[in-house]
Amino acid sequence: MGDAKNQRQENERFFEEVKRKYLADMKTRFGFTDLQATQAESLANWAFDSGFGSGVSYARYDEAMSLLRPGRRA
């Protein structure tokens, strides 16, 4: 259980770092206002929390995919 908790914390740190970079990039490239950036951040947080593509479900996904890696024995 500790590994899943550690994986989630690592995922959250990575997500926050990537989210911060993407939002700064969108503000620069597309001229997002603060309100638009806040809305985009809300959607990104929802996606992460719901496990859409990564986030909450990522640790389980990564564990399942690790079984398919070359040299891995079940």
PDB file of N, CA and C in Angstrom:
ATOM      1  N   MET A   1       0.820  -1.184   0.000  1.00  0.00           N
ATOM      2  CA  MET A   1       0.000   0.000   0.000  1.00  0.00           C
ATOM      3  C   MET A   1       0.866   1.251   0.000  1.00  0.00           C
ATOM      4  N   GLY A   2       1.998   1.181   0.653  1.00  0.00           N
ATOM      5  CA  GLY A   2       2.903   2.316   0.703  1.00  0.00           C
ATOM      6  C   GLY A   2       3.399   2.713  -0.674  1.00  0.00           C
ATOM      7  N   ASP A   3       3.637   1.712  -1.536  1.00  0.00           N
ATOM      8  CA  ASP A   3       4.105   2.002  -2.889  1.00  0.00           C
ATOM      9  C   ASP A   3       3.058   2.761  -3.690  1.00  0.00           C
ATOM     10  N   ALA A   4       1.802   2.405  -3.556  1.00  0.00           N
ATOM     11  CA  ALA A   4       0.726   3.094  -4.276  1.00  0.00           C
ATOM     12  C   ALA A   4       0.608   4.536  -3.782  1.00  0.00           C
ATOM     13  N   LYS A   5       0.740   4.731  -2.475  1.00  0.00           N
ATOM     14  CA  LYS A   5       0.668   6.086  -1.917  1.00  0.00           C
ATOM     15  C   LYS A   5       1.846   6.922  -2.408  1.00  0.00           C
ATOM     16  N   ASN A   6       3.036   6.335  -2.400  1.00  0.00           N
ATOM     17  CA  ASN A   6       4.218   7.040  -2.895  1.00  0.00           C
ATOM     18  C   ASN A   6       4.072   7.368  -4.374  1.00  0.00           C
ATOM     19  N   GLN A   7       3.537   6.439  -5.144  1.00  0.00           N
ATOM     20  CA  GLN A   7       3.341   6.677  -6.576  1.00  0.00           C
ATOM     21  C   GLN A   7       2.359   7.820  -6.791  1.00  0.00           C
ATOM     22  N   ARG A   8       1.298   7.847  -6.026  1.00  0.00           N
ATOM     23  CA  ARG A   8       0.315   8.934  -6.156  1.00  0.00           C
ATOM     24  C   ARG A   8       0.941  10.287  -5.818  1.00  0.00           C
ATOM     25  N   GLN A   9       1.729  10.343  -4.762  1.00  0.00           N
ATOM     26  CA  GLN A   9       2.383  11.596  -4.393  1.00  0.00           C
ATOM     27  C   GLN A   9       3.353  12.044  -5.482  1.00  0.00           C
ATOM     28  N   GLU A  10       4.083  11.102  -6.042  1.00  0.00           N
ATOM     29  CA  GLU A  10       5.000  11.422  -7.137  1.00  0.00           C
ATOM     30  C   GLU A  10       4.221  11.916  -8.356  1.00  0.00           C
ATOM     31  N   ASN A  11       3.094  11.261  -8.659  1.00  0.00           N
ATOM     32  CA  ASN A  11       2.252  11.685  -9.776  1.00  0.00           C
ATOM     33  C   ASN A  11       1.727  13.101  -9.560  1.00  0.00           C
ATOM     34  N   GLU A  12       1.308  13.394  -8.335  1.00  0.00           N
ATOM     35  CA  GLU A  12       0.785  14.727  -8.031  1.00  0.00           C
ATOM     36  C   GLU A  12       1.857  15.796  -8.200  1.00  0.00           C
ATOM     37  N   ARG A  13       3.074  15.525  -7.731  1.00  0.00           N
ATOM     38  CA  ARG A  13       4.171  16.497  -7.884  1.00  0.00           C
ATOM     39  C   ARG A  13       4.474  16.724  -9.362  1.00  0.00           C
ATOM     40  N   PHE A  14       4.541  15.641 -10.120  1.00  0.00           N
ATOM     41  CA  PHE A  14       4.822  15.744 -11.549  1.00  0.00           C
ATOM     42  C   PHE A  14       3.704  16.506 -12.251  1.00  0.00           C
ATOM     43  N   PHE A  15       2.459  16.189 -11.911  1.00  0.00           N
ATOM     44  CA  PHE A  15       1.304  16.850 -12.515  1.00  0.00           C
ATOM     45  C   PHE A  15       1.338  18.352 -12.254  1.00  0.00           C
ATOM     46  N   GLU A  16       1.602  18.758 -11.018  1.00  0.00           N
ATOM     47  CA  GLU A  16       1.633  20.179 -10.674  1.00  0.00           C
ATOM     48  C   GLU A  16       2.722  20.902 -11.458  1.00  0.00           C
ATOM     49  N   GLU A  17       3.879  20.276 -11.594  1.00  0.00           N
ATOM     50  CA  GLU A  17       4.988  20.883 -12.338  1.00  0.00           C
ATOM     51  C   GLU A  17       4.628  21.057 -13.816  1.00  0.00           C
ATOM     52  N   VAL A  18       4.090  20.014 -14.402  1.00  0.00           N
ATOM     53  CA  VAL A  18       3.709  20.068 -15.819  1.00  0.00           C
ATOM     54  C   VAL A  18       2.566  21.057 -16.036  1.00  0.00           C
ATOM     55  N   LYS A  19       1.591  21.033 -15.136  1.00  0.00           N
ATOM     56  CA  LYS A  19       0.441  21.942 -15.259  1.00  0.00           C
ATOM     57  C   LYS A  19       0.902  23.392 -15.219  1.00  0.00           C
ATOM     58  N   ARG A  20       1.796  23.721 -14.320  1.00  0.00           N
ATOM     59  CA  ARG A  20       2.305  25.080 -14.193  1.00  0.00           C
ATOM     60  C   ARG A  20       2.987  25.523 -15.487  1.00  0.00           C
ATOM     61  N   LYS A  21       3.797  24.634 -16.085  1.00  0.00           N
ATOM     62  CA  LYS A  21       4.492  24.962 -17.335  1.00  0.00           C
ATOM     63  C   LYS A  21       3.507  25.150 -18.484  1.00  0.00           C
ATOM     64  N   TYR A  22       2.534  24.256 -18.598  1.00  0.00           N
ATOM     65  CA  TYR A  22       1.544  24.353 -19.678  1.00  0.00           C
ATOM     66  C   TYR A  22       0.700  25.616 -19.566  1.00  0.00           C
ATOM     67  N   LEU A  23       0.280  25.965 -18.361  1.00  0.00           N
ATOM     68  CA  LEU A  23      -0.536  27.162 -18.189  1.00  0.00           C
ATOM     69  C   LEU A  23       0.262  28.416 -18.536  1.00  0.00           C
ATOM     70  N   ALA A  24       1.522  28.467 -18.135  1.00  0.00           N
ATOM     71  CA  ALA A  24       2.363  29.609 -18.493  1.00  0.00           C
ATOM     72  C   ALA A  24       2.533  29.682 -20.008  1.00  0.00           C
ATOM     73  N   ASP A  25       2.704  28.531 -20.643  1.00  0.00           N
ATOM     74  CA  ASP A  25       2.853  28.483 -22.100  1.00  0.00           C
ATOM     75  C   ASP A  25       1.574  28.939 -22.802  1.00  0.00           C
ATOM     76  N   MET A  26       0.417  28.503 -22.300  1.00  0.00           N
ATOM     77  CA  MET A  26      -0.851  28.907 -22.919  1.00  0.00           C
ATOM     78  C   MET A  26      -1.094  30.407 -22.765  1.00  0.00           C
ATOM     79  N   LYS A  27      -0.706  30.962 -21.615  1.00  0.00           N
ATOM     80  CA  LYS A  27      -0.868  32.396 -21.430  1.00  0.00           C
ATOM     81  C   LYS A  27      -0.001  33.157 -22.437  1.00  0.00           C
ATOM     82  N   THR A  28       1.189  32.656 -22.686  1.00  0.00           N
ATOM     83  CA  THR A  28       2.099  33.315 -23.617  1.00  0.00           C
ATOM     84  C   THR A  28       1.671  33.105 -25.067  1.00  0.00           C
ATOM     85  N   ARG A  29       1.453  31.864 -25.462  1.00  0.00           N
ATOM     86  CA  ARG A  29       1.153  31.557 -26.866  1.00  0.00           C
ATOM     87  C   ARG A  29      -0.223  32.005 -27.310  1.00  0.00           C
ATOM     88  N   PHE A  30      -1.219  31.830 -26.448  1.00  0.00           N
ATOM     89  CA  PHE A  30      -2.592  32.113 -26.856  1.00  0.00           C
ATOM     90  C   PHE A  30      -3.163  33.375 -26.217  1.00  0.00           C
ATOM     91  N   GLY A  31      -2.382  34.027 -25.388  1.00  0.00           N
ATOM     92  CA  GLY A  31      -2.850  35.234 -24.745  1.00  0.00           C
ATOM     93  C   GLY A  31      -3.971  35.000 -23.748  1.00  0.00           C
ATOM     94  N   PHE A  32      -3.941  33.851 -23.071  1.00  0.00           N
ATOM     95  CA  PHE A  32      -4.975  33.550 -22.081  1.00  0.00           C
ATOM     96  C   PHE A  32      -5.012  34.645 -21.014  1.00  0.00           C
ATOM     97  N   THR A  33      -6.215  35.015 -20.635  1.00  0.00           N
ATOM     98  CA  THR A  33      -6.387  35.905 -19.495  1.00  0.00           C
ATOM     99  C   THR A  33      -6.251  35.067 -18.231  1.00  0.00           C
ATOM    100  N   ASP A  34      -6.195  35.745 -17.079  1.00  0.00           N
ATOM    101  CA  ASP A  34      -6.117  35.008 -15.821  1.00  0.00           C
ATOM    102  C   ASP A  34      -7.354  34.130 -15.631  1.00  0.00           C
ATOM    103  N   LEU A  35      -8.518  34.640 -16.034  1.00  0.00           N
ATOM    104  CA  LEU A  35      -9.750  33.856 -15.911  1.00  0.00           C
ATOM    105  C   LEU A  35      -9.690  32.599 -16.783  1.00  0.00           C
ATOM    106  N   GLN A  36      -9.226  32.749 -18.021  1.00  0.00           N
ATOM    107  CA  GLN A  36      -9.109  31.580 -18.903  1.00  0.00           C
ATOM    108  C   GLN A  36      -8.101  30.582 -18.355  1.00  0.00           C
ATOM    109  N   ALA A  37      -6.996  31.056 -17.804  1.00  0.00           N
ATOM    110  CA  ALA A  37      -5.992  30.159 -17.222  1.00  0.00           C
ATOM    111  C   ALA A  37      -6.573  29.419 -16.018  1.00  0.00           C
ATOM    112  N   THR A  38      -7.378  30.121 -15.223  1.00  0.00           N
ATOM    113  CA  THR A  38      -8.023  29.491 -14.067  1.00  0.00           C
ATOM    114  C   THR A  38      -9.002  28.413 -14.526  1.00  0.00           C
ATOM    115  N   GLN A  39      -9.755  28.700 -15.587  1.00  0.00           N
ATOM    116  CA  GLN A  39     -10.692  27.709 -16.113  1.00  0.00           C
ATOM    117  C   GLN A  39      -9.948  26.498 -16.667  1.00  0.00           C
ATOM    118  N   ALA A  40      -8.849  26.732 -17.381  1.00  0.00           N
ATOM    119  CA  ALA A  40      -8.053  25.626 -17.914  1.00  0.00           C
ATOM    120  C   ALA A  40      -7.462  24.798 -16.773  1.00  0.00           C
ATOM    121  N   GLU A  41      -7.026  25.469 -15.718  1.00  0.00           N
ATOM    122  CA  GLU A  41      -6.483  24.754 -14.568  1.00  0.00           C
ATOM    123  C   GLU A  41      -7.558  23.913 -13.885  1.00  0.00           C
ATOM    124  N   SER A  42      -8.771  24.435 -13.795  1.00  0.00           N
ATOM    125  CA  SER A  42      -9.874  23.678 -13.203  1.00  0.00           C
ATOM    126  C   SER A  42     -10.156  22.407 -13.998  1.00  0.00           C
ATOM    127  N   LEU A  43     -10.152  22.534 -15.322  1.00  0.00           N
ATOM    128  CA  LEU A  43     -10.366  21.349 -16.163  1.00  0.00           C
ATOM    129  C   LEU A  43      -9.233  20.345 -16.007  1.00  0.00           C
ATOM    130  N   ALA A  44      -8.008  20.839 -15.937  1.00  0.00           N
ATOM    131  CA  ALA A  44      -6.862  19.939 -15.767  1.00  0.00           C
ATOM    132  C   ALA A  44      -6.942  19.227 -14.424  1.00  0.00           C
ATOM    133  N   ASN A  45      -7.322  19.960 -13.374  1.00  0.00           N
ATOM    134  CA  ASN A  45      -7.465  19.335 -12.046  1.00  0.00           C
ATOM    135  C   ASN A  45      -8.561  18.276 -12.054  1.00  0.00           C
ATOM    136  N   TRP A  46      -9.677  18.582 -12.706  1.00  0.00           N
ATOM    137  CA  TRP A  46     -10.761  17.603 -12.803  1.00  0.00           C
ATOM    138  C   TRP A  46     -10.271  16.343 -13.521  1.00  0.00           C
ATOM    139  N   ALA A  47      -9.560  16.539 -14.628  1.00  0.00           N
ATOM    140  CA  ALA A  47      -9.069  15.396 -15.393  1.00  0.00           C
ATOM    141  C   ALA A  47      -8.120  14.553 -14.548  1.00  0.00           C
ATOM    142  N   PHE A  48      -7.237  15.200 -13.806  1.00  0.00           N
ATOM    143  CA  PHE A  48      -6.294  14.469 -12.957  1.00  0.00           C
ATOM    144  C   PHE A  48      -7.028  13.706 -11.863  1.00  0.00           C
ATOM    145  N   ASP A  49      -7.939  14.397 -11.170  1.00  0.00           N
ATOM    146  CA  ASP A  49      -8.653  13.776 -10.055  1.00  0.00           C
ATOM    147  C   ASP A  49      -9.574  12.643 -10.494  1.00  0.00           C
ATOM    148  N   SER A  50     -10.101  12.737 -11.711  1.00  0.00           N
ATOM    149  CA  SER A  50     -10.989  11.686 -12.194  1.00  0.00           C
ATOM    150  C   SER A  50     -10.209  10.506 -12.763  1.00  0.00           C
ATOM    151  N   GLY A  51      -8.891  10.674 -12.908  1.00  0.00           N
ATOM    152  CA  GLY A  51      -8.078   9.598 -13.463  1.00  0.00           C
ATOM    153  C   GLY A  51      -8.105   9.575 -14.966  1.00  0.00           C
ATOM    154  N   PHE A  52      -8.533  10.645 -15.604  1.00  0.00           N
ATOM    155  CA  PHE A  52      -8.628  10.715 -17.061  1.00  0.00           C
ATOM    156  C   PHE A  52      -7.232  10.775 -17.656  1.00  0.00           C
ATOM    157  N   GLY A  53      -6.740   9.639 -18.155  1.00  0.00           N
ATOM    158  CA  GLY A  53      -5.434   9.582 -18.798  1.00  0.00           C
ATOM    159  C   GLY A  53      -4.264   9.399 -17.858  1.00  0.00           C
ATOM    160  N   SER A  54      -4.358   9.897 -16.653  1.00  0.00           N
ATOM    161  CA  SER A  54      -3.279   9.756 -15.677  1.00  0.00           C
ATOM    162  C   SER A  54      -3.868  10.070 -14.315  1.00  0.00           C
ATOM    163  N   GLY A  55      -3.030  10.501 -13.420  1.00  0.00           N
ATOM    164  CA  GLY A  55      -3.540  10.894 -12.115  1.00  0.00           C
ATOM    165  C   GLY A  55      -3.832   9.720 -11.224  1.00  0.00           C
ATOM    166  N   VAL A  56      -5.024   9.705 -10.657  1.00  0.00           N
ATOM    167  CA  VAL A  56      -5.395   8.701  -9.663  1.00  0.00           C
ATOM    168  C   VAL A  56      -5.187   7.287 -10.188  1.00  0.00           C
ATOM    169  N   SER A  57      -5.575   7.051 -11.418  1.00  0.00           N
ATOM    170  CA  SER A  57      -5.489   5.697 -11.966  1.00  0.00           C
ATOM    171  C   SER A  57      -4.106   5.367 -12.508  1.00  0.00           C
ATOM    172  N   TYR A  58      -3.208   6.331 -12.551  1.00  0.00           N
ATOM    173  CA  TYR A  58      -1.922   6.098 -13.194  1.00  0.00           C
ATOM    174  C   TYR A  58      -1.099   5.024 -12.500  1.00  0.00           C
ATOM    175  N   ALA A  59      -1.101   4.998 -11.185  1.00  0.00           N
ATOM    176  CA  ALA A  59      -0.301   4.000 -10.467  1.00  0.00           C
ATOM    177  C   ALA A  59      -0.753   2.589 -10.827  1.00  0.00           C
ATOM    178  N   ARG A  60      -2.066   2.378 -10.903  1.00  0.00           N
ATOM    179  CA  ARG A  60      -2.566   1.048 -11.285  1.00  0.00           C
ATOM    180  C   ARG A  60      -2.216   0.742 -12.739  1.00  0.00           C
ATOM    181  N   TYR A  61      -2.341   1.727 -13.616  1.00  0.00           N
ATOM    182  CA  TYR A  61      -2.004   1.560 -15.031  1.00  0.00           C
ATOM    183  C   TYR A  61      -0.529   1.217 -15.178  1.00  0.00           C
ATOM    184  N   ASP A  62       0.338   1.965 -14.477  1.00  0.00           N
ATOM    185  CA  ASP A  62       1.775   1.740 -14.579  1.00  0.00           C
ATOM    186  C   ASP A  62       2.136   0.342 -14.090  1.00  0.00           C
ATOM    187  N   GLU A  63       1.497  -0.092 -13.019  1.00  0.00           N
ATOM    188  CA  GLU A  63       1.760  -1.429 -12.497  1.00  0.00           C
ATOM    189  C   GLU A  63       1.343  -2.499 -13.512  1.00  0.00           C
ATOM    190  N   ALA A  64       0.186  -2.324 -14.132  1.00  0.00           N
ATOM    191  CA  ALA A  64      -0.281  -3.287 -15.127  1.00  0.00           C
ATOM    192  C   ALA A  64       0.629  -3.292 -16.351  1.00  0.00           C
ATOM    193  N   MET A  65       1.053  -2.121 -16.785  1.00  0.00           N
ATOM    194  CA  MET A  65       1.914  -2.034 -17.969  1.00  0.00           C
ATOM    195  C   MET A  65       3.307  -2.591 -17.695  1.00  0.00           C
ATOM    196  N   SER A  66       3.734  -2.533 -16.432  1.00  0.00           N
ATOM    197  CA  SER A  66       5.057  -3.048 -16.099  1.00  0.00           C
ATOM    198  C   SER A  66       5.146  -4.548 -16.360  1.00  0.00           C
ATOM    199  N   LEU A  67       3.999  -5.220 -16.328  1.00  0.00           N
ATOM    200  CA  LEU A  67       3.991  -6.660 -16.598  1.00  0.00           C
ATOM    201  C   LEU A  67       4.323  -6.949 -18.059  1.00  0.00           C
ATOM    202  N   LEU A  68       4.145  -5.965 -18.923  1.00  0.00           N
ATOM    203  CA  LEU A  68       4.401  -6.155 -20.350  1.00  0.00           C
ATOM    204  C   LEU A  68       5.813  -5.767 -20.761  1.00  0.00           C
ATOM    205  N   ARG A  69       6.575  -5.195 -19.851  1.00  0.00           N
ATOM    206  CA  ARG A  69       7.936  -4.751 -20.182  1.00  0.00           C
ATOM    207  C   ARG A  69       8.827  -5.971 -20.430  1.00  0.00           C
ATOM    208  N   PRO A  70       9.744  -5.842 -21.399  1.00  0.00           N
ATOM    209  CA  PRO A  70      10.678  -6.939 -21.671  1.00  0.00           C
ATOM    210  C   PRO A  70      11.488  -7.318 -20.439  1.00  0.00           C
ATOM    211  N   GLY A  71      11.680  -8.572 -20.238  1.00  0.00           N
ATOM    212  CA  GLY A  71      12.471  -9.061 -19.117  1.00  0.00           C
ATOM    213  C   GLY A  71      11.718  -9.139 -17.805  1.00  0.00           C
ATOM    214  N   ARG A  72      10.492  -8.742 -17.805  1.00  0.00           N
ATOM    215  CA  ARG A  72       9.668  -8.779 -16.576  1.00  0.00           C
ATOM    216  C   ARG A  72       9.001 -10.137 -16.456  1.00  0.00           C
ATOM    217  N   ARG A  73       9.089 -10.711 -15.280  1.00  0.00           N
ATOM    218  CA  ARG A  73       8.439 -12.004 -15.028  1.00  0.00           C
ATOM    219  C   ARG A  73       7.269 -11.801 -14.106  1.00  0.00           C
ATOM    220  N   ALA A  74       6.167 -12.385 -14.430  1.00  0.00           N
ATOM    221  CA  ALA A  74       4.951 -12.257 -13.612  1.00  0.00           C
ATOM    222  C   ALA A  74       5.051 -13.084 -12.368  1.00  0.00           C
TER     223      ALA A  74
END
